[in-house]
Amino acid sequence: MLNLANAVRQLKMERDQAQRRLEQLTAALKVLGDLGGVSRRLGGGQTAGKKRRHMSGRCPETNRRGSTRTLGEMEGNQT
C-alpha cells in the first residue's frame, strides 16, 4: 500500500504542476491577445470555410472555365 500512496502523491504533484503551467500559458495568451498579437481568424487571415479571392480582376465566370482553355486563349490570343 505504501507504493500506491506514493504513486497517488506523485500524480497529485504532477497535476498541480500542470495546472500552474496552464495558468501561466493562459496568462501569456491573454497578454498577447490584449496587444493585438493574436488573430482569431484561421489560415493566416482567412476565416474558416472561405476561399481566397485573387486580385486579378477576373470575373467568376472566367475562373469557372477551368482548364478547357488553350494557352493562346489564356494569353488573350484567341484562335
N, C-alpha and C. Protein backbone atom coordinates (compact mmCIF):
# COMPACT_ATOMS: atom_id res chain seq x y z
N MET A 1 0.81 -1.20 0.00
CA MET A 1 0.00 0.00 0.00
C MET A 1 0.85 1.26 0.00
N LEU A 2 2.06 1.16 0.50
CA LEU A 2 2.93 2.33 0.54
C LEU A 2 3.25 2.82 -0.86
N ASN A 3 3.49 1.87 -1.80
CA ASN A 3 3.79 2.25 -3.18
C ASN A 3 2.59 2.95 -3.84
N LEU A 4 1.40 2.48 -3.53
CA LEU A 4 0.20 3.10 -4.09
C LEU A 4 0.03 4.53 -3.57
N ALA A 5 0.28 4.72 -2.29
CA ALA A 5 0.17 6.05 -1.70
C ALA A 5 1.20 6.99 -2.31
N ASN A 6 2.40 6.48 -2.54
CA ASN A 6 3.44 7.30 -3.18
C ASN A 6 3.06 7.66 -4.61
N ALA A 7 2.49 6.70 -5.31
CA ALA A 7 2.07 6.96 -6.68
C ALA A 7 0.98 8.02 -6.73
N VAL A 8 0.02 7.94 -5.83
CA VAL A 8 -1.06 8.93 -5.77
C VAL A 8 -0.50 10.30 -5.45
N ARG A 9 0.41 10.37 -4.50
CA ARG A 9 1.02 11.65 -4.14
C ARG A 9 1.79 12.25 -5.32
N GLN A 10 2.54 11.41 -6.02
CA GLN A 10 3.31 11.86 -7.18
C GLN A 10 2.37 12.40 -8.28
N LEU A 11 1.30 11.67 -8.53
CA LEU A 11 0.34 12.10 -9.55
C LEU A 11 -0.31 13.43 -9.19
N LYS A 12 -0.63 13.62 -7.93
CA LYS A 12 -1.22 14.89 -7.49
C LYS A 12 -0.24 16.03 -7.67
N MET A 13 1.04 15.79 -7.36
CA MET A 13 2.06 16.82 -7.56
C MET A 13 2.18 17.20 -9.03
N GLU A 14 2.19 16.19 -9.89
CA GLU A 14 2.30 16.44 -11.32
C GLU A 14 1.06 17.19 -11.84
N ARG A 15 -0.11 16.84 -11.32
CA ARG A 15 -1.34 17.53 -11.71
C ARG A 15 -1.27 19.00 -11.30
N ASP A 16 -0.79 19.28 -10.10
CA ASP A 16 -0.67 20.65 -9.62
C ASP A 16 0.31 21.45 -10.48
N GLN A 17 1.43 20.82 -10.85
CA GLN A 17 2.40 21.48 -11.71
C GLN A 17 1.80 21.78 -13.08
N ALA A 18 1.08 20.83 -13.62
CA ALA A 18 0.44 21.03 -14.92
C ALA A 18 -0.60 22.15 -14.85
N GLN A 19 -1.34 22.21 -13.75
CA GLN A 19 -2.34 23.27 -13.58
C GLN A 19 -1.67 24.64 -13.53
N ARG A 20 -0.56 24.74 -12.79
CA ARG A 20 0.16 26.02 -12.73
C ARG A 20 0.69 26.41 -14.11
N ARG A 21 1.19 25.44 -14.85
CA ARG A 21 1.71 25.71 -16.20
C ARG A 21 0.60 26.19 -17.13
N LEU A 22 -0.57 25.58 -17.03
CA LEU A 22 -1.71 26.01 -17.84
C LEU A 22 -2.12 27.44 -17.50
N GLU A 23 -2.09 27.77 -16.22
CA GLU A 23 -2.42 29.13 -15.81
C GLU A 23 -1.42 30.13 -16.37
N GLN A 24 -0.14 29.76 -16.40
CA GLN A 24 0.88 30.64 -16.98
C GLN A 24 0.65 30.83 -18.47
N LEU A 25 0.34 29.74 -19.17
CA LEU A 25 0.10 29.83 -20.60
C LEU A 25 -1.15 30.65 -20.91
N THR A 26 -2.17 30.49 -20.10
CA THR A 26 -3.39 31.27 -20.28
C THR A 26 -3.11 32.75 -20.09
N ALA A 27 -2.33 33.08 -19.09
CA ALA A 27 -1.99 34.48 -18.84
C ALA A 27 -1.17 35.04 -20.00
N ALA A 28 -0.24 34.27 -20.52
CA ALA A 28 0.58 34.73 -21.64
C ALA A 28 -0.28 34.95 -22.88
N LEU A 29 -1.20 34.04 -23.15
CA LEU A 29 -2.10 34.21 -24.30
C LEU A 29 -2.98 35.44 -24.14
N LYS A 30 -3.41 35.71 -22.93
CA LYS A 30 -4.24 36.89 -22.68
C LYS A 30 -3.46 38.16 -22.95
N VAL A 31 -2.21 38.20 -22.51
CA VAL A 31 -1.38 39.38 -22.76
C VAL A 31 -1.19 39.58 -24.25
N LEU A 32 -0.89 38.52 -24.98
CA LEU A 32 -0.71 38.64 -26.42
C LEU A 32 -1.99 39.08 -27.10
N GLY A 33 -3.12 38.55 -26.65
CA GLY A 33 -4.40 38.95 -27.22
C GLY A 33 -4.69 40.41 -26.97
N ASP A 34 -4.36 40.89 -25.79
CA ASP A 34 -4.58 42.30 -25.46
C ASP A 34 -3.69 43.22 -26.29
N LEU A 35 -2.52 42.72 -26.69
CA LEU A 35 -1.61 43.52 -27.51
C LEU A 35 -2.02 43.51 -28.98
N GLY A 36 -2.95 42.65 -29.34
CA GLY A 36 -3.36 42.54 -30.73
C GLY A 36 -2.48 41.58 -31.50
N GLY A 37 -1.68 40.80 -30.82
CA GLY A 37 -0.77 39.89 -31.49
C GLY A 37 -1.37 38.55 -31.84
N VAL A 38 -2.61 38.31 -31.43
CA VAL A 38 -3.24 37.03 -31.72
C VAL A 38 -4.48 37.28 -32.54
N SER A 39 -4.51 36.67 -33.72
CA SER A 39 -5.69 36.79 -34.58
C SER A 39 -6.62 35.64 -34.29
N ARG A 40 -7.90 35.91 -34.25
CA ARG A 40 -8.88 34.86 -34.01
C ARG A 40 -9.29 34.17 -35.30
N ARG A 41 -8.74 34.62 -36.41
CA ARG A 41 -9.09 34.00 -37.68
C ARG A 41 -8.13 32.88 -37.98
N LEU A 42 -8.56 31.98 -38.86
CA LEU A 42 -7.76 30.81 -39.20
C LEU A 42 -7.04 31.04 -40.52
N GLY A 43 -5.97 30.31 -40.74
CA GLY A 43 -5.31 30.30 -42.03
C GLY A 43 -4.60 31.59 -42.39
N GLY A 44 -4.01 32.25 -41.46
CA GLY A 44 -3.26 33.46 -41.75
C GLY A 44 -4.13 34.60 -42.24
N GLY A 45 -5.27 34.78 -41.66
CA GLY A 45 -6.13 35.89 -42.02
C GLY A 45 -7.40 35.46 -42.72
N GLN A 46 -7.50 34.23 -43.10
CA GLN A 46 -8.72 33.76 -43.74
C GLN A 46 -9.65 33.19 -42.68
N THR A 47 -10.92 33.43 -42.85
CA THR A 47 -11.87 32.83 -41.94
C THR A 47 -12.16 31.42 -42.41
N ALA A 48 -12.57 30.59 -41.51
CA ALA A 48 -12.82 29.18 -41.83
C ALA A 48 -13.92 29.07 -42.86
N GLY A 49 -13.70 28.26 -43.88
CA GLY A 49 -14.72 27.98 -44.87
C GLY A 49 -14.76 28.93 -46.04
N LYS A 50 -13.98 29.99 -46.03
CA LYS A 50 -13.98 30.93 -47.14
C LYS A 50 -12.80 30.66 -48.05
N LYS A 51 -13.06 30.79 -49.35
CA LYS A 51 -11.97 30.63 -50.31
C LYS A 51 -11.24 31.95 -50.47
N ARG A 52 -9.99 31.86 -50.81
CA ARG A 52 -9.19 33.04 -51.03
C ARG A 52 -9.56 33.64 -52.39
N ARG A 53 -9.73 34.94 -52.44
CA ARG A 53 -10.05 35.62 -53.68
C ARG A 53 -8.79 36.25 -54.24
N HIS A 54 -8.56 36.06 -55.52
CA HIS A 54 -7.39 36.61 -56.17
C HIS A 54 -7.65 38.04 -56.61
N MET A 55 -6.60 38.81 -56.71
CA MET A 55 -6.71 40.21 -57.06
C MET A 55 -6.57 40.44 -58.57
N SER A 56 -6.77 39.41 -59.38
CA SER A 56 -6.53 39.53 -60.81
C SER A 56 -7.59 40.35 -61.52
N GLY A 57 -8.75 40.52 -60.92
CA GLY A 57 -9.81 41.28 -61.56
C GLY A 57 -10.67 40.45 -62.48
N ARG A 58 -10.38 39.18 -62.59
CA ARG A 58 -11.18 38.32 -63.45
C ARG A 58 -12.50 38.02 -62.77
N CYS A 59 -13.53 37.89 -63.57
CA CYS A 59 -14.84 37.59 -63.03
C CYS A 59 -14.95 36.11 -62.72
N PRO A 60 -15.90 35.70 -61.89
CA PRO A 60 -16.05 34.29 -61.54
C PRO A 60 -16.32 33.39 -62.74
N GLU A 61 -16.99 33.92 -63.77
CA GLU A 61 -17.26 33.10 -64.95
C GLU A 61 -15.96 32.69 -65.63
N THR A 62 -15.01 33.59 -65.64
CA THR A 62 -13.72 33.29 -66.25
C THR A 62 -13.02 32.19 -65.47
N ASN A 63 -13.12 32.24 -64.16
CA ASN A 63 -12.48 31.22 -63.32
C ASN A 63 -13.13 29.86 -63.50
N ARG A 64 -14.40 29.83 -63.83
CA ARG A 64 -15.11 28.56 -63.96
C ARG A 64 -14.78 27.83 -65.24
N ARG A 65 -14.23 28.54 -66.21
CA ARG A 65 -13.94 27.88 -67.48
C ARG A 65 -12.93 26.75 -67.29
N GLY A 66 -12.09 26.88 -66.33
CA GLY A 66 -11.17 25.80 -65.98
C GLY A 66 -10.09 25.58 -67.01
N SER A 67 -9.67 24.33 -67.14
CA SER A 67 -8.52 24.01 -67.98
C SER A 67 -8.91 23.70 -69.41
N THR A 68 -10.11 24.02 -69.83
CA THR A 68 -10.51 23.74 -71.20
C THR A 68 -9.97 24.79 -72.16
N ARG A 69 -9.43 25.87 -71.64
CA ARG A 69 -8.90 26.92 -72.50
C ARG A 69 -7.50 26.56 -72.97
N THR A 70 -7.15 27.01 -74.14
CA THR A 70 -5.81 26.77 -74.65
C THR A 70 -4.88 27.84 -74.13
N LEU A 71 -3.60 27.64 -74.32
CA LEU A 71 -2.62 28.62 -73.86
C LEU A 71 -2.83 29.95 -74.56
N GLY A 72 -3.16 29.92 -75.85
CA GLY A 72 -3.42 31.16 -76.60
C GLY A 72 -4.60 31.91 -76.05
N GLU A 73 -5.65 31.20 -75.64
CA GLU A 73 -6.82 31.85 -75.08
C GLU A 73 -6.48 32.46 -73.72
N MET A 74 -5.65 31.78 -72.98
CA MET A 74 -5.27 32.29 -71.67
C MET A 74 -4.47 33.58 -71.78
N GLU A 75 -3.68 33.71 -72.86
CA GLU A 75 -2.86 34.90 -73.04
C GLU A 75 -3.64 36.01 -73.74
N GLY A 76 -4.84 35.73 -74.16
CA GLY A 76 -5.65 36.73 -74.83
C GLY A 76 -5.59 36.62 -76.34
N ASN A 77 -4.84 35.68 -76.86
CA ASN A 77 -4.76 35.47 -78.31
C ASN A 77 -5.73 34.37 -78.69
N GLN A 78 -6.96 34.72 -78.87
CA GLN A 78 -7.96 33.71 -79.18
C GLN A 78 -7.79 33.24 -80.61
N THR A 79 -7.83 31.93 -80.81
CA THR A 79 -7.65 31.36 -82.14
C THR A 79 -8.94 30.88 -82.71
